[in-house]
Amino acid sequence: MTHYDICRRSAKALTPNELLEMIEKLDKATLIAEELDMLQALNDELTSRCSFNRLHDDAKMGGSFHASIIAAFFKADNNNKPRLVRAFPEIFLP
């Protein structure tokens, strides 16, 4: 039985505000898990030398927009890197 099933069975005893809090927590947990999965996949991708070189080559040859987005990626913290990848998958994903 999943955590969701347990929450669903016990939902009848909760007030509407408590239900909303539970839903928000589940949504946040889902978003965090998705962010972690994407960040892990991105770290795996960037650890290979080929991908690292490809990004640098794209930054040199891809025009000013691509160069700026890639430069922003390398300067970004781990919270913002997945956002850049989601916003511009054509740049970061092979």
Protein backbone atom coordinates (compact mmCIF):
# COMPACT_ATOMS: atom_id res chain seq x y z
CA MET A 1 0.00 0.00 0.00
CA THR A 2 1.43 3.35 -1.01
CA HIS A 3 1.53 6.51 1.07
CA TYR A 4 -1.10 7.95 -1.26
CA ASP A 5 -3.45 5.04 -0.52
CA ILE A 6 -2.98 5.46 3.21
CA CYS A 7 -3.71 9.19 2.96
CA ARG A 8 -6.71 8.51 0.78
CA ARG A 9 -8.20 6.03 3.26
CA SER A 10 -7.66 8.36 6.18
CA ALA A 11 -8.94 11.44 4.31
CA LYS A 12 -12.48 11.14 5.61
CA ALA A 13 -11.36 12.10 9.11
CA LEU A 14 -9.60 15.27 7.97
CA THR A 15 -10.91 18.80 7.65
CA PRO A 16 -10.83 20.51 4.26
CA ASN A 17 -7.85 22.63 5.33
CA GLU A 18 -5.95 19.55 6.43
CA LEU A 19 -6.74 17.90 3.10
CA LEU A 20 -5.39 20.92 1.23
CA GLU A 21 -2.20 20.83 3.29
CA MET A 22 -1.80 17.12 2.53
CA ILE A 23 -2.27 17.72 -1.19
CA GLU A 24 0.26 20.55 -1.16
CA LYS A 25 2.80 18.34 0.62
CA LEU A 26 2.28 15.53 -1.90
CA ASP A 27 2.60 17.98 -4.80
CA LYS A 28 5.80 19.44 -3.35
CA ALA A 29 7.24 15.97 -2.77
CA THR A 30 6.44 15.02 -6.36
CA LEU A 31 8.06 18.19 -7.70
CA ILE A 32 11.16 17.66 -5.56
CA ALA A 33 11.45 14.06 -6.75
CA GLU A 34 11.14 15.17 -10.38
CA GLU A 35 13.77 17.88 -9.86
CA LEU A 36 16.15 15.38 -8.25
CA ASP A 37 15.63 12.88 -11.06
CA MET A 38 16.28 15.53 -13.69
CA LEU A 39 19.33 16.85 -11.85
CA GLN A 40 20.75 13.34 -11.49
CA ALA A 41 20.21 12.67 -15.19
CA LEU A 42 21.80 15.99 -16.02
CA ASN A 43 24.80 15.28 -13.79
CA ASP A 44 25.21 11.89 -15.45
CA GLU A 45 25.06 13.56 -18.85
CA LEU A 46 27.57 16.27 -18.01
CA THR A 47 30.06 13.96 -16.35
CA SER A 48 30.92 12.48 -19.69
CA ARG A 49 33.64 14.43 -21.44
CA CYS A 50 31.82 14.22 -24.75
CA SER A 51 28.82 16.15 -23.46
CA PHE A 52 31.03 18.72 -21.80
CA ASN A 53 32.93 19.27 -25.03
CA ARG A 54 29.69 19.38 -27.03
CA LEU A 55 28.32 22.16 -24.85
CA HIS A 56 31.51 24.18 -25.19
CA ASP A 57 31.54 23.65 -28.96
CA ASP A 58 27.88 24.70 -29.14
CA ALA A 59 28.70 27.80 -27.11
CA LYS A 60 31.41 28.74 -29.63
CA MET A 61 29.55 27.85 -32.81
CA GLY A 62 25.89 28.26 -31.89
CA GLY A 63 25.51 32.00 -31.89
CA SER A 64 25.19 34.52 -29.10
CA PHE A 65 21.92 33.18 -27.70
CA HIS A 66 23.22 29.61 -27.36
CA ALA A 67 26.50 30.89 -25.92
CA SER A 68 24.66 32.98 -23.33
CA ILE A 69 22.33 30.15 -22.27
CA ILE A 70 25.23 27.70 -21.94
CA ALA A 71 27.27 30.26 -19.99
CA ALA A 72 24.30 30.82 -17.69
CA PHE A 73 24.04 27.06 -17.20
CA PHE A 74 27.64 26.74 -16.07
CA LYS A 75 27.21 29.68 -13.68
CA ALA A 76 23.82 28.53 -12.32
CA ASP A 77 23.39 26.78 -8.99
CA ASN A 78 21.91 23.30 -8.78
CA ASN A 79 18.38 24.67 -8.30
CA ASN A 80 18.42 26.61 -11.56
CA LYS A 81 20.26 24.18 -13.85
CA PRO A 82 17.21 21.90 -14.24
CA ARG A 83 15.09 24.93 -15.08
CA LEU A 84 17.43 25.86 -17.91
CA VAL A 85 17.41 22.30 -19.23
CA ARG A 86 13.59 22.19 -19.15
CA ALA A 87 13.32 25.57 -20.82
CA PHE A 88 15.87 24.81 -23.57
CA PRO A 89 16.04 21.04 -24.14
CA GLU A 90 17.21 21.52 -27.72
CA ILE A 91 20.43 23.06 -26.39
CA PHE A 92 21.25 20.66 -23.56
CA LEU A 93 19.83 17.31 -24.53
CA PRO A 94 21.48 15.42 -27.39
